[in-house]
């Protein structure tokens, strides 16, 4: 037989206005009546005296919690809970049992997925507290499932959004294909949605600016490694990595004419390009989770003597991450910048930046960066060291293609350098009166 009590109002969370449904099974009607009186204000109560009837009900109706007595004539509580688990696996199951039933209780816990057991005779307050904890456990599992479904939906929507962007592009360039592949790989391997979004934004910057794939990642890794080298804590190192990865996000707000006509880097910023850190900070600021990145992106073009942009900050008033990004990105521009028609050798770049130490650059950070590249030692697996031929050794492995001034690829990423290659590179430098920069592990 069944005995159903209509739902009444509850003080649960806004998402759970309706009381949870609790099915009670006991062959003694007096016990069922006592439990109903005790629990009816907190739960919607369904009662049964016989296990087969209760199982038949479960096949047609949803319940949230199930509490059964252990000792019953036709079907004991262990068997009932085990069968109920097959019908409604997500329900929370509890067992009423005496101390003499412990072996059966253990079986019920193992086979029936019992959340906990309650000893007879029970204390009313302890019983209510145990059920409240079980209800919280059930709601937590339910909320976790909902959040997982929400994340899955968000990932699907993000993938669909990227696909729609691709459809709007008139022609697929090689750079866009590489960026899209990078994104596809990231979606398959990244465990965090945050990293997926950051990779997407980095690829967007590379596509917008025309920089080679990996340009932003290389600067970000060098910034993170430099931050570790000067003993910043892990949280700061990770934050600086994210800032460096997105330090050029403001370029998406610049016109095509500005990007084509202007030179980016090494202090040669016209009025339009001065604004790209401001634009970038505004873009990043729209994502609440990225708020800690704003200051480092905004102040990346400040000079240590206070003559930079946009805030004319000086010295340690400039965020440490912004000072690190300024050193690393300017060095990269001097030796390998796509828009730099007068690329320098690494020693000349060091000398040029040292002349501006204390004026544009933080002395300590600049010297630490030079020391880091000179030692060529790091516990950062992805670290790329920028070196010239004077530091190149047989056995070194290229991390990026070596592209000649005419656009031809002389050496492919992944190649291991041998002595013959070194000699050919030296001949190339002498013949064309130029300097070669390589990126190695």
Protein backbone atom coordinates (compact mmCIF):
# COMPACT_ATOMS: atom_id res chain seq x y z
CA UNK A 1 0.00 0.00 0.00
CA UNK A 2 1.07 3.60 -0.42
CA UNK A 3 0.56 6.68 1.69
CA UNK A 4 1.47 9.96 -0.01
CA UNK A 5 1.64 13.38 1.61
CA UNK A 6 1.38 16.50 -0.61
CA UNK A 7 4.48 18.73 -0.88
CA UNK A 8 4.64 21.69 1.45
CA UNK A 9 6.86 24.81 1.39
CA UNK A 10 10.52 24.45 2.37
CA UNK A 11 13.42 26.66 3.34
CA UNK A 12 15.84 24.97 0.89
CA UNK A 13 17.92 26.85 -1.65
CA UNK A 14 16.07 28.85 -4.36
CA UNK A 15 16.88 26.06 -6.84
CA UNK A 16 15.20 23.45 -4.58
CA UNK A 17 11.88 25.08 -3.53
CA UNK A 18 10.08 21.71 -3.63
CA UNK A 19 10.97 19.33 -0.77
CA UNK A 20 12.89 16.21 -1.75
CA UNK A 21 10.82 13.04 -2.12
CA UNK A 22 11.63 10.38 0.50
CA UNK A 23 10.41 6.79 0.08
CA UNK A 24 10.12 4.82 3.34
CA UNK A 25 9.87 1.01 3.44
CA UNK A 26 9.11 -0.89 6.65
CA UNK A 27 6.80 -3.82 7.35
CA UNK A 28 5.73 -2.24 10.64
CA UNK A 29 3.09 0.47 10.14
CA UNK A 30 3.77 2.02 13.56
CA UNK A 31 7.36 2.75 12.53
CA UNK A 32 6.21 4.28 9.26
CA UNK A 33 3.71 6.47 11.11
CA UNK A 34 6.41 7.63 13.53
CA UNK A 35 8.78 8.49 10.72
CA UNK A 36 6.07 10.39 8.82
CA UNK A 37 5.25 12.52 11.84
CA UNK A 38 8.95 13.30 12.33
CA UNK A 39 9.86 14.06 8.72
CA UNK A 40 6.71 15.31 6.94
CA UNK A 41 7.65 19.00 7.33
CA UNK A 42 10.95 18.53 5.52
CA UNK A 43 10.20 15.93 2.84
CA UNK A 44 7.48 14.63 0.55
CA UNK A 45 6.88 11.19 2.10
CA UNK A 46 5.97 8.01 0.20
CA UNK A 47 5.52 4.85 2.33
CA UNK A 48 5.33 1.13 1.64
CA UNK A 49 5.03 -2.00 3.78
CA UNK A 50 6.18 -4.44 1.10
CA UNK A 51 9.33 -4.33 -1.05
CA UNK A 52 7.84 -5.52 -4.35
CA UNK A 53 5.20 -2.79 -4.26
CA UNK A 54 7.89 -0.20 -3.56
CA UNK A 55 9.97 -1.44 -6.53
CA UNK A 56 6.94 -1.29 -8.81
CA UNK A 57 6.36 2.31 -7.71
CA UNK A 58 9.99 3.25 -8.41
CA UNK A 59 9.72 1.98 -11.98
CA UNK A 60 7.01 4.56 -12.67
CA UNK A 61 7.96 7.47 -10.39
CA UNK A 62 11.01 9.51 -9.43
CA UNK A 63 12.18 9.76 -5.84
CA UNK A 64 15.23 11.48 -4.40
CA UNK A 65 15.89 9.46 -1.26
CA UNK A 66 15.09 5.89 -0.14
CA UNK A 67 15.19 4.61 3.44
CA UNK A 68 14.44 0.95 4.17
CA UNK A 69 14.33 -1.27 7.23
CA UNK A 70 16.73 -4.22 7.10
CA UNK A 71 14.60 -7.03 8.51
CA UNK A 72 11.38 -7.69 6.56
CA UNK A 73 9.61 -10.98 5.87
CA UNK A 74 9.64 -11.39 2.07
CA UNK A 75 12.47 -9.13 0.89
CA UNK A 76 15.06 -7.72 3.28
CA UNK A 77 16.38 -4.18 3.06
CA UNK A 78 19.71 -5.20 1.49
CA UNK A 79 17.98 -6.95 -1.42
CA UNK A 80 15.47 -4.13 -1.86
CA UNK A 81 18.12 -1.40 -1.93
CA UNK A 82 20.25 -3.39 -4.37
CA UNK A 83 17.30 -3.70 -6.79
CA UNK A 84 16.29 -0.07 -6.30
CA UNK A 85 19.80 0.98 -7.31
CA UNK A 86 19.25 -0.58 -10.75
CA UNK A 87 16.00 1.36 -11.17
CA UNK A 88 17.01 4.78 -9.78
CA UNK A 89 20.81 4.82 -9.48
CA UNK A 90 21.04 8.49 -8.49
CA UNK A 91 18.78 8.30 -5.44
CA UNK A 92 20.38 8.42 -2.00
CA UNK A 93 19.81 5.15 -0.12
CA UNK A 94 19.76 4.76 3.68
CA UNK A 95 19.27 1.68 5.86
CA UNK A 96 17.51 1.24 9.22
CA UNK A 97 19.15 -1.64 11.05
CA UNK A 98 19.79 -3.23 14.43
CA UNK A 99 23.21 -4.03 15.82
CA UNK A 100 22.65 -7.74 15.16
CA UNK A 101 22.31 -7.06 11.42
CA UNK A 102 25.86 -5.76 10.84
CA UNK A 103 26.92 -8.47 8.37
CA UNK A 104 23.79 -7.80 6.31
CA UNK A 105 24.39 -4.08 6.68
CA UNK A 106 27.87 -4.38 5.22
CA UNK A 107 26.45 -6.36 2.28
CA UNK A 108 23.83 -3.68 1.70
CA UNK A 109 26.46 -0.96 1.73
CA UNK A 110 28.60 -2.86 -0.79
CA UNK A 111 25.85 -4.13 -3.11
CA UNK A 112 23.15 -1.53 -2.71
CA UNK A 113 25.24 1.63 -2.72
CA UNK A 114 23.95 2.67 0.70
CA UNK A 115 24.95 6.19 1.72
CA UNK A 116 24.83 5.38 5.44
CA UNK A 117 22.90 3.30 7.97
CA UNK A 118 20.85 4.38 10.99
CA UNK A 119 20.79 2.22 14.09
CA UNK A 120 17.56 1.22 15.79
CA UNK A 121 16.24 2.57 18.04
CA UNK A 122 17.03 5.98 16.58
CA UNK A 123 17.36 9.40 18.16
CA UNK A 124 14.99 11.82 16.40
CA UNK A 125 17.48 14.68 16.17
CA UNK A 126 20.29 12.45 14.98
CA UNK A 127 17.99 10.89 12.39
CA UNK A 128 16.96 14.29 11.04
CA UNK A 129 20.58 15.45 10.95
CA UNK A 130 21.65 12.30 9.08
CA UNK A 131 18.86 12.76 6.53
CA UNK A 132 19.75 16.43 6.12
CA UNK A 133 23.36 15.47 5.36
CA UNK A 134 22.16 12.84 2.90
CA UNK A 135 19.92 15.44 1.24
CA UNK A 136 22.85 17.85 0.95
CA UNK A 137 24.93 15.04 -0.58
CA UNK A 138 22.17 14.34 -3.11
CA UNK A 139 21.77 18.02 -4.03
CA UNK A 140 25.54 18.45 -4.36
CA UNK A 141 25.74 15.52 -6.80
CA UNK A 142 22.78 16.95 -8.69
CA UNK A 143 24.40 20.40 -8.90
CA UNK A 144 27.72 18.89 -10.01
CA UNK A 145 25.93 17.09 -12.83
CA UNK A 146 24.20 20.32 -13.84
CA UNK A 147 27.48 22.24 -13.89
CA UNK A 148 29.17 19.52 -15.95
CA UNK A 149 26.33 19.71 -18.46
CA UNK A 150 26.65 23.49 -18.50
CA UNK A 151 30.39 23.26 -19.19
CA UNK A 152 29.76 20.75 -21.97
CA UNK A 153 27.20 23.10 -23.46
CA UNK A 154 29.58 26.06 -23.17
CA UNK A 155 32.33 24.10 -24.92
CA UNK A 156 29.94 23.15 -27.68
CA UNK A 157 28.81 26.76 -28.08
CA UNK A 158 32.42 27.93 -28.14
CA UNK A 159 33.26 25.41 -30.88
CA UNK A 160 30.21 26.53 -32.86
CA UNK A 161 31.25 30.17 -32.43
CA UNK A 162 34.70 29.47 -33.84
CA UNK A 163 33.18 27.64 -36.77
CA UNK A 164 30.96 30.63 -37.55
CA UNK A 165 34.00 32.93 -37.52
CA UNK A 166 35.73 30.69 -40.04
CA UNK A 167 32.72 30.90 -42.37
CA UNK A 168 32.97 34.71 -42.42
CA UNK A 169 36.55 34.69 -43.70
CA UNK A 170 36.69 35.03 -47.50
CA UNK A 171 39.92 33.15 -47.92
CA UNK A 172 41.74 30.81 -45.62
CA UNK A 173 45.35 31.80 -45.34
CA UNK A 174 48.06 29.45 -44.23
CA UNK A 175 48.39 31.36 -40.98
CA UNK A 176 44.66 30.99 -40.19
CA UNK A 177 44.78 27.26 -40.91
CA UNK A 178 47.70 26.88 -38.52
CA UNK A 179 45.88 28.89 -35.87
CA UNK A 180 42.70 26.89 -36.33
CA UNK A 181 44.63 23.65 -36.02
CA UNK A 182 46.22 24.97 -32.87
CA UNK A 183 42.75 25.71 -31.50
CA UNK A 184 41.41 22.29 -32.49
CA UNK A 185 44.33 20.61 -30.75
CA UNK A 186 43.77 22.77 -27.68
CA UNK A 187 40.11 21.77 -27.48
CA UNK A 188 41.14 18.10 -27.46
CA UNK A 189 43.91 18.39 -24.88
CA UNK A 190 43.21 21.30 -22.53
CA UNK A 191 41.42 20.38 -19.31
CA UNK A 192 40.59 23.98 -18.48
CA UNK A 193 38.21 26.26 -20.38
CA UNK A 194 40.40 29.19 -19.33
CA UNK A 195 43.37 27.82 -21.29
CA UNK A 196 41.15 27.16 -24.30
CA UNK A 197 40.02 30.79 -24.33
CA UNK A 198 43.57 32.10 -23.90
CA UNK A 199 44.85 29.99 -26.79
CA UNK A 200 42.03 31.24 -28.97
CA UNK A 201 42.77 34.88 -28.15
CA UNK A 202 46.49 34.36 -28.78
CA UNK A 203 45.77 32.83 -32.18
CA UNK A 204 43.48 35.76 -32.99
CA UNK A 205 46.30 38.20 -32.21
CA UNK A 206 48.73 36.30 -34.44
CA UNK A 207 46.22 36.20 -37.30
CA UNK A 208 45.35 39.89 -36.89
CA UNK A 209 48.94 41.13 -36.66
CA UNK A 210 50.42 38.71 -39.18
CA UNK A 211 53.01 37.43 -36.71
CA UNK A 212 54.23 33.87 -37.15
CA UNK A 213 52.45 31.12 -35.26
CA UNK A 214 53.99 30.81 -31.80
CA UNK A 215 55.17 34.42 -31.57
CA UNK A 216 52.94 35.29 -28.60
CA UNK A 217 53.59 31.93 -26.93
CA UNK A 218 57.38 32.39 -27.22
CA UNK A 219 57.26 35.80 -25.53
CA UNK A 220 54.87 34.49 -22.87
CA UNK A 221 57.12 31.53 -22.01
CA UNK A 222 60.21 33.75 -21.84
CA UNK A 223 58.35 36.19 -19.56
CA UNK A 224 57.20 33.38 -17.28
CA UNK A 225 60.69 31.85 -17.14
CA UNK A 226 62.24 35.25 -16.39
CA UNK A 227 59.71 35.79 -13.59
CA UNK A 228 60.77 32.45 -12.07
CA UNK A 229 64.42 33.38 -12.54
CA UNK A 230 64.02 36.51 -10.40
CA UNK A 231 62.21 34.44 -7.71
CA UNK A 232 58.62 35.61 -8.14
CA UNK A 233 56.02 33.26 -6.67
CA UNK A 234 54.10 30.79 -8.82
CA UNK A 235 50.91 32.86 -8.87
CA UNK A 236 52.77 35.90 -10.19
CA UNK A 237 54.63 33.80 -12.77
CA UNK A 238 51.38 32.34 -14.09
CA UNK A 239 49.69 35.75 -14.18
CA UNK A 240 52.62 37.26 -16.09
CA UNK A 241 52.47 34.35 -18.56
CA UNK A 242 48.80 35.09 -19.27
CA UNK A 243 49.48 38.84 -19.59
CA UNK A 244 52.35 38.27 -22.02
CA UNK A 245 50.23 35.85 -24.04
CA UNK A 246 47.61 38.61 -24.43
CA UNK A 247 49.83 41.70 -24.40
CA UNK A 248 48.97 42.50 -28.04
CA UNK A 249 45.24 41.83 -27.78
CA UNK A 250 44.61 45.56 -28.26
CA UNK A 251 45.79 45.31 -31.88
CA UNK A 252 42.42 43.82 -32.80
CA UNK A 253 40.98 47.28 -32.14
CA UNK A 254 43.37 49.03 -34.58
CA UNK A 255 42.50 49.68 -38.20
CA UNK A 256 44.17 47.83 -41.05
CA UNK A 257 45.81 51.10 -42.15
CA UNK A 258 47.42 51.59 -38.74
CA UNK A 259 48.74 48.03 -38.63
CA UNK A 260 50.18 48.30 -42.15
CA UNK A 261 51.72 51.76 -41.81
CA UNK A 262 53.08 51.66 -38.26
CA UNK A 263 56.08 49.96 -36.67
CA UNK A 264 55.43 48.14 -33.43
CA UNK A 265 58.11 47.84 -30.78
CA UNK A 266 61.35 49.18 -29.28
CA UNK A 267 59.95 52.56 -28.32
CA UNK A 268 58.91 53.63 -31.84
CA UNK A 269 55.21 54.00 -31.07
CA UNK A 270 53.05 56.58 -32.86
CA UNK A 271 49.91 58.01 -31.28
CA UNK A 272 47.68 55.23 -32.63
CA UNK A 273 49.88 52.37 -31.43
CA UNK A 274 50.26 53.96 -28.00
CA UNK A 275 46.57 53.20 -27.61
CA UNK A 276 46.76 49.45 -28.21
CA UNK A 277 47.61 48.62 -24.54
CA UNK A 278 44.65 50.79 -23.48
CA UNK A 279 42.37 48.97 -25.92
CA UNK A 280 43.78 45.64 -24.77
CA UNK A 281 43.18 46.46 -21.10
CA UNK A 282 39.55 47.36 -21.90
CA UNK A 283 39.02 44.11 -23.81
CA UNK A 284 40.53 41.99 -21.03
CA UNK A 285 38.59 43.96 -18.42
CA UNK A 286 35.30 42.78 -19.92
CA UNK A 287 36.07 39.28 -18.62
CA UNK A 288 35.78 39.40 -14.82
CA UNK A 289 38.13 36.44 -14.37
CA UNK A 290 40.84 38.29 -16.31
CA UNK A 291 40.72 41.40 -14.10
CA UNK A 292 44.16 40.67 -12.50
CA UNK A 293 45.74 40.91 -15.99
CA UNK A 294 44.62 44.46 -16.73
CA UNK A 295 47.44 46.45 -15.09
CA UNK A 296 50.32 44.55 -16.70
CA UNK A 297 48.75 44.83 -20.17
CA UNK A 298 47.85 48.51 -19.73
CA UNK A 299 51.33 49.61 -18.59
CA UNK A 300 53.55 47.47 -20.87
CA UNK A 301 54.87 50.59 -22.68
CA UNK A 302 55.78 52.62 -19.60
CA UNK A 303 59.40 53.79 -19.33
CA UNK A 304 61.23 53.29 -16.07
CA UNK A 305 62.01 57.06 -15.97
CA UNK A 306 58.33 58.02 -16.24
CA UNK A 307 58.29 59.12 -19.89
CA UNK A 308 56.28 56.15 -21.20
CA UNK A 309 52.60 55.56 -21.88
CA UNK A 310 49.79 55.68 -20.98
CA UNK A 311 50.19 56.57 -17.29
CA UNK A 312 53.75 58.01 -17.21
CA UNK A 313 54.47 55.68 -14.30
CA UNK A 314 58.05 55.30 -13.15
CA UNK A 315 60.23 52.88 -11.21
CA UNK A 316 58.47 50.31 -9.06
CA UNK A 317 55.15 52.07 -9.63
CA UNK A 318 55.14 50.18 -12.93
CA UNK A 319 53.75 46.65 -12.28
CA UNK A 320 56.50 44.03 -12.22
CA UNK A 321 54.80 42.05 -14.99
CA UNK A 322 54.67 45.11 -17.25
CA UNK A 323 58.41 45.70 -16.71
CA UNK A 324 59.17 42.09 -17.62
CA UNK A 325 56.97 42.14 -20.73
CA UNK A 326 58.61 45.40 -21.89
CA UNK A 327 62.11 43.90 -21.76
CA UNK A 328 61.21 40.59 -23.42
CA UNK A 329 59.01 41.95 -26.22
CA UNK A 330 61.46 44.74 -27.14
CA UNK A 331 64.36 42.27 -27.26
CA UNK A 332 62.32 39.96 -29.48
CA UNK A 333 61.50 42.87 -31.80
CA UNK A 334 65.15 43.92 -32.09
CA UNK A 335 66.38 40.46 -33.10
CA UNK A 336 63.40 38.93 -34.88
CA UNK A 337 60.57 41.47 -35.26
CA UNK A 338 58.63 40.98 -38.48
CA UNK A 339 58.25 44.75 -38.95
CA UNK A 340 61.89 45.44 -38.03
CA UNK A 341 63.88 45.98 -41.22
CA UNK A 342 67.13 46.53 -39.27
CA UNK A 343 67.35 43.44 -37.13
CA UNK A 344 70.27 43.31 -34.72
CA UNK A 345 72.57 40.55 -33.61
CA UNK A 346 71.94 39.39 -30.07
CA UNK A 347 75.09 41.08 -28.64
CA UNK A 348 74.14 44.35 -30.38
CA UNK A 349 70.59 44.07 -29.03
CA UNK A 350 71.98 43.60 -25.52
CA UNK A 351 74.19 46.67 -25.95
CA UNK A 352 71.34 48.78 -27.39
CA UNK A 353 69.04 47.90 -24.49
CA UNK A 354 71.76 48.45 -21.87
CA UNK A 355 72.19 52.00 -23.18
CA UNK A 356 68.53 52.55 -22.23
CA UNK A 357 68.75 50.70 -18.92
CA UNK A 358 67.39 52.95 -16.20
CA UNK A 359 65.65 55.08 -18.83
CA UNK A 360 63.30 52.68 -20.60
CA UNK A 361 64.08 49.42 -18.85
CA UNK A 362 64.37 48.19 -15.27
CA UNK A 363 68.11 47.55 -14.77
CA UNK A 364 67.62 44.48 -12.60
CA UNK A 365 65.12 42.82 -14.94
CA UNK A 366 67.16 43.55 -18.08
CA UNK A 367 70.34 42.10 -16.58
CA UNK A 368 68.44 39.05 -15.28
CA UNK A 369 67.06 38.42 -18.77
CA UNK A 370 70.53 38.64 -20.32
CA UNK A 371 71.86 36.25 -17.67
CA UNK A 372 68.98 33.81 -18.25
CA UNK A 373 69.57 33.63 -22.01
CA UNK A 374 73.32 33.35 -21.48
CA UNK A 375 73.04 30.40 -19.08
CA UNK A 376 70.58 28.52 -21.32
CA UNK A 377 69.27 26.65 -18.29
CA UNK A 378 65.63 26.50 -17.21
CA UNK A 379 63.22 24.11 -15.54
CA UNK A 380 60.50 25.39 -17.90
CA UNK A 381 60.06 22.63 -20.51
CA UNK A 382 58.72 24.95 -23.21
CA UNK A 383 61.38 27.65 -22.81
CA UNK A 384 62.79 29.02 -26.09
CA UNK A 385 66.27 30.52 -25.95
CA UNK A 386 67.16 33.19 -28.49
CA UNK A 387 70.76 32.76 -29.65
CA UNK A 388 73.13 33.84 -32.42
CA UNK A 389 75.68 31.72 -34.27
CA UNK A 390 78.35 32.53 -31.71
CA UNK A 391 76.35 30.50 -29.15
CA UNK A 392 75.08 27.76 -31.48
CA UNK A 393 76.42 24.26 -30.85
CA UNK A 394 76.11 20.95 -32.72
CA UNK A 395 73.34 18.98 -31.09
CA UNK A 396 71.07 21.99 -30.51
CA UNK A 397 67.49 21.50 -31.75
CA UNK A 398 65.53 24.23 -33.55
CA UNK A 399 62.12 25.10 -32.11
CA UNK A 400 61.11 27.36 -35.01
CA UNK A 401 61.82 27.46 -38.76
CA UNK A 402 64.85 29.53 -39.76
CA UNK A 403 63.45 31.82 -42.45
CA UNK A 404 65.86 33.75 -44.70
CA UNK A 405 65.42 37.38 -45.68
CA UNK A 406 63.88 36.28 -49.01
CA UNK A 407 61.22 34.25 -47.25
CA UNK A 408 62.71 30.82 -47.92
CA UNK A 409 63.00 28.31 -45.10
CA UNK A 410 66.63 27.32 -44.60
CA UNK A 411 66.12 24.99 -41.62
CA UNK A 412 62.93 23.42 -40.34
CA UNK A 413 61.75 23.33 -36.75
CA UNK A 414 62.76 20.10 -35.07
CA UNK A 415 66.06 19.74 -36.93
CA UNK A 416 69.16 18.95 -34.91
CA UNK A 417 72.10 21.19 -35.70
CA UNK A 418 75.39 19.65 -36.92
CA UNK A 419 78.77 21.21 -37.65
CA UNK A 420 78.09 21.42 -41.41
CA UNK A 421 74.95 23.48 -40.80
CA UNK A 422 76.87 25.83 -38.52
CA UNK A 423 79.47 26.48 -41.27
CA UNK A 424 76.77 27.12 -43.87
CA UNK A 425 75.04 29.58 -41.56
CA UNK A 426 78.31 31.45 -41.04
CA UNK A 427 78.81 31.64 -44.82
CA UNK A 428 75.28 32.98 -45.18
CA UNK A 429 75.92 35.73 -42.63
CA UNK A 430 79.14 36.78 -44.37
CA UNK A 431 77.64 36.67 -47.86
CA UNK A 432 74.57 38.74 -47.06
CA UNK A 433 76.11 40.87 -44.29
CA UNK A 434 73.35 39.91 -41.88
CA UNK A 435 72.88 38.20 -38.53
CA UNK A 436 70.97 34.99 -37.94
CA UNK A 437 68.83 34.47 -34.83
CA UNK A 438 67.72 30.98 -33.87
CA UNK A 439 65.24 29.73 -31.28
CA UNK A 440 66.28 26.53 -29.53
CA UNK A 441 65.30 24.48 -26.51
